[in-house]
Amino acid sequence: MRHTLVPVLTIFVIAIALVAGCTSVPSGSTSVSGQQSSTTAGISVLAQTEMAVMTNGTYAVNATIDKISIEKSDDGGRRIDIYISARNAGTEPVQLQWYSQLTAANGATFGGVGVSHGGSGAETAILKPGESNEARDYVNIDTDKEYTSLSKGATLEVFITTEPLANESPVGFTTAWKLPGSVFT
């Protein structure tokens, strides 16, 4: 078991380093835009209905929240299904993987890198220029009390990484949307 744990931890640390290195926006490199409602960790937080426009020197991707649905389990927990639509607005094919994280108004977080969708996140098909694809991610909330913390609103932060195609290096984007408490009632 010890021999399998080390490679898994190494992959997790590398994934965190990739995402952490991509959450800041170096000047002229990678940008995420939209109408700025507020900021979190240095990125703009968009209203739920706004489009995130993400670009760098190689890729351009537009992303929107298609829908959010909630399913209650018998044990009081909830599964929050998050459907994001991504459109390749660039000139090169791209495939995307992302992880969703919800942060309640009280600071409690649910999901995130290596956690949402049972650890695998969401993934699009390969998108040719102009093509769109919707992918489903989900976040599990274990108790009614934790779920109730979302009733005052939450921030949905999405950590996106391009899957390497044509020997390109992965590119990371982070975008966030403000969700009203009504989404969780």
Protein backbone atom coordinates (compact mmCIF):
# COMPACT_ATOMS: atom_id res chain seq x y z
CA MET A 1 0.00 0.00 0.00
CA ARG A 2 2.86 2.37 0.79
CA HIS A 3 4.24 1.94 -2.73
CA THR A 4 0.92 2.98 -4.28
CA LEU A 5 0.40 5.92 -1.96
CA VAL A 6 3.64 7.69 -2.95
CA PRO A 7 2.84 7.91 -6.71
CA VAL A 8 -0.74 9.02 -5.97
CA LEU A 9 0.49 11.75 -3.61
CA THR A 10 3.11 12.82 -6.15
CA ILE A 11 0.47 13.19 -8.88
CA PHE A 12 -1.78 15.15 -6.48
CA VAL A 13 1.06 17.53 -5.54
CA ILE A 14 1.93 18.08 -9.22
CA ALA A 15 -1.74 18.79 -10.03
CA ILE A 16 -1.97 21.29 -7.17
CA ALA A 17 1.26 22.97 -8.33
CA LEU A 18 -0.08 23.25 -11.89
CA VAL A 19 -3.33 24.77 -10.73
CA ALA A 20 -1.68 27.05 -8.17
CA GLY A 21 0.75 28.32 -10.78
CA CYS A 22 -2.12 29.12 -13.09
CA THR A 23 -4.46 30.95 -10.74
CA SER A 24 -2.59 34.21 -11.01
CA VAL A 25 -2.69 36.07 -14.28
CA PRO A 26 0.75 37.16 -15.49
CA SER A 27 0.63 40.33 -17.54
CA GLY A 28 0.00 39.56 -21.22
CA SER A 29 -0.14 35.80 -20.65
CA THR A 30 -3.45 34.31 -19.54
CA SER A 31 -6.58 36.28 -18.85
CA VAL A 32 -10.10 35.67 -17.67
CA SER A 33 -12.61 38.42 -18.23
CA GLY A 34 -16.22 39.28 -17.68
CA GLN A 35 -18.11 41.89 -15.74
CA GLN A 36 -16.35 41.99 -12.39
CA SER A 37 -18.74 41.54 -9.49
CA SER A 38 -15.99 41.09 -6.91
CA THR A 39 -12.66 39.34 -6.64
CA THR A 40 -11.46 36.22 -4.89
CA ALA A 41 -7.83 35.10 -4.83
CA GLY A 42 -7.07 37.78 -7.42
CA ILE A 43 -9.61 36.65 -10.02
CA SER A 44 -12.88 38.28 -11.08
CA VAL A 45 -16.05 36.72 -9.74
CA LEU A 46 -18.77 36.75 -12.37
CA ALA A 47 -22.53 36.75 -11.90
CA GLN A 48 -24.08 33.30 -12.40
CA THR A 49 -25.35 34.14 -15.89
CA GLU A 50 -22.14 35.72 -17.21
CA MET A 51 -19.67 34.18 -19.63
CA ALA A 52 -16.06 33.63 -18.61
CA VAL A 53 -13.70 34.50 -21.47
CA MET A 54 -10.34 32.77 -20.98
CA THR A 55 -7.39 33.34 -23.29
CA ASN A 56 -3.66 32.87 -23.54
CA GLY A 57 -1.27 32.80 -26.49
CA THR A 58 -2.52 29.40 -27.70
CA TYR A 59 -6.12 28.93 -26.53
CA ALA A 60 -9.33 30.93 -26.20
CA VAL A 61 -12.24 29.38 -24.34
CA ASN A 62 -15.63 30.79 -23.35
CA ALA A 63 -17.42 29.09 -20.46
CA THR A 64 -20.88 29.46 -18.95
CA ILE A 65 -22.89 27.70 -16.28
CA ASP A 66 -25.62 25.76 -18.07
CA LYS A 67 -27.41 24.55 -14.97
CA ILE A 68 -27.00 23.44 -11.39
CA SER A 69 -29.17 20.68 -9.98
CA ILE A 70 -29.30 19.25 -6.49
CA GLU A 71 -30.14 15.73 -5.42
CA LYS A 72 -30.75 14.81 -1.78
CA SER A 73 -29.56 11.45 -0.51
CA ASP A 74 -31.22 9.32 2.16
CA ASP A 75 -28.49 10.15 4.70
CA GLY A 76 -29.13 13.93 4.53
CA GLY A 77 -26.28 14.72 2.18
CA ARG A 78 -26.59 16.38 -1.21
CA ARG A 79 -24.96 15.98 -4.59
CA ILE A 80 -24.70 19.28 -6.44
CA ASP A 81 -24.44 18.65 -10.18
CA ILE A 82 -22.70 21.49 -12.02
CA TYR A 83 -23.04 21.64 -15.80
CA ILE A 84 -20.56 23.96 -17.52
CA SER A 85 -20.59 24.62 -21.25
CA ALA A 86 -17.23 25.39 -22.85
CA ARG A 87 -16.77 26.78 -26.36
CA ASN A 88 -13.47 26.80 -28.21
CA ALA A 89 -13.20 30.43 -29.37
CA GLY A 90 -9.61 29.97 -30.53
CA THR A 91 -7.92 28.61 -33.62
CA GLU A 92 -6.42 25.40 -32.17
CA PRO A 93 -8.23 22.24 -31.00
CA VAL A 94 -8.47 21.96 -27.22
CA GLN A 95 -9.68 19.47 -24.65
CA LEU A 96 -10.46 20.66 -21.13
CA GLN A 97 -10.57 19.10 -17.68
CA TRP A 98 -11.85 20.95 -14.64
CA TYR A 99 -12.59 20.66 -10.97
CA SER A 100 -15.33 22.60 -9.21
CA GLN A 101 -15.17 24.05 -5.73
CA LEU A 102 -18.01 25.70 -3.82
CA THR A 103 -17.21 28.19 -1.07
CA ALA A 104 -20.08 29.19 1.22
CA ALA A 105 -20.44 32.72 2.59
CA ASN A 106 -19.02 31.46 5.92
CA GLY A 107 -15.84 30.24 4.19
CA ALA A 108 -16.63 26.50 4.20
CA THR A 109 -15.40 24.84 0.99
CA PHE A 110 -16.66 21.75 -0.79
CA GLY A 111 -15.07 19.93 -3.73
CA GLY A 112 -11.94 21.22 -5.44
CA VAL A 113 -8.95 19.80 -7.28
CA GLY A 114 -8.79 16.03 -6.95
CA VAL A 115 -12.09 15.98 -5.02
CA SER A 116 -15.04 16.95 -7.24
CA HIS A 117 -16.69 14.22 -9.32
CA GLY A 118 -15.22 11.58 -7.04
CA GLY A 119 -11.71 12.92 -7.73
CA SER A 120 -11.84 12.86 -11.52
CA GLY A 121 -13.44 16.26 -12.24
CA ALA A 122 -15.18 16.94 -15.55
CA GLU A 123 -13.76 16.58 -19.06
CA THR A 124 -14.88 17.80 -22.46
CA ALA A 125 -14.49 16.09 -25.78
CA ILE A 126 -11.78 17.47 -28.06
CA LEU A 127 -13.17 20.80 -29.24
CA LYS A 128 -12.30 22.02 -32.71
CA PRO A 129 -12.41 25.80 -33.23
CA GLY A 130 -16.00 26.99 -32.82
CA GLU A 131 -17.23 23.78 -31.16
CA SER A 132 -18.91 23.61 -27.76
CA ASN A 133 -19.33 20.82 -25.25
CA GLU A 134 -21.11 20.59 -21.93
CA ALA A 135 -19.56 18.55 -19.13
CA ARG A 136 -20.94 17.62 -15.72
CA ASP A 137 -18.97 17.87 -12.52
CA TYR A 138 -20.41 17.34 -9.06
CA VAL A 139 -19.66 18.23 -5.47
CA ASN A 140 -20.87 16.17 -2.52
CA ILE A 141 -22.14 17.85 0.63
CA ASP A 142 -22.23 15.40 3.55
CA THR A 143 -24.75 16.92 5.97
CA ASP A 144 -27.81 19.17 6.12
CA LYS A 145 -25.85 21.62 8.27
CA GLU A 146 -23.09 21.92 5.64
CA TYR A 147 -25.68 22.29 2.89
CA THR A 148 -27.50 24.99 4.85
CA SER A 149 -24.26 27.03 4.88
CA LEU A 150 -24.79 27.55 1.13
CA SER A 151 -28.21 29.16 1.63
CA LYS A 152 -26.60 32.61 2.01
CA GLY A 153 -24.92 32.22 -1.37
CA ALA A 154 -21.68 30.72 -2.54
CA THR A 155 -18.82 31.16 -4.96
CA LEU A 156 -18.29 28.48 -7.59
CA GLU A 157 -14.61 28.40 -8.50
CA VAL A 158 -13.62 26.26 -11.47
CA PHE A 159 -10.00 25.18 -12.02
CA ILE A 160 -9.54 24.38 -15.72
CA THR A 161 -6.56 22.71 -17.37
CA THR A 162 -6.10 22.10 -21.08
CA GLU A 163 -5.28 18.51 -21.95
CA PRO A 164 -2.06 18.44 -24.00
CA LEU A 165 -2.76 18.07 -27.73
CA ALA A 166 -0.12 18.28 -30.48
CA ASN A 167 2.75 18.38 -27.97
CA GLU A 168 1.51 21.61 -26.34
CA SER A 169 2.08 22.20 -22.65
CA PRO A 170 -1.01 22.24 -20.42
CA VAL A 171 -2.47 25.67 -19.72
CA GLY A 172 -4.43 26.46 -16.58
CA PHE A 173 -7.30 28.89 -16.12
CA THR A 174 -9.34 29.69 -13.04
CA THR A 175 -12.73 31.33 -13.17
CA ALA A 176 -15.42 31.95 -10.57
CA TRP A 177 -19.12 32.70 -10.45
CA LYS A 178 -21.20 34.10 -7.59
CA LEU A 179 -24.23 31.92 -6.89
CA PRO A 180 -27.24 33.34 -5.03
CA GLY A 181 -28.60 31.45 -2.03
CA SER A 182 -31.77 30.70 -4.04
CA VAL A 183 -29.78 28.09 -6.02
CA PHE A 184 -29.59 26.02 -2.82
CA THR A 185 -33.18 26.40 -1.56
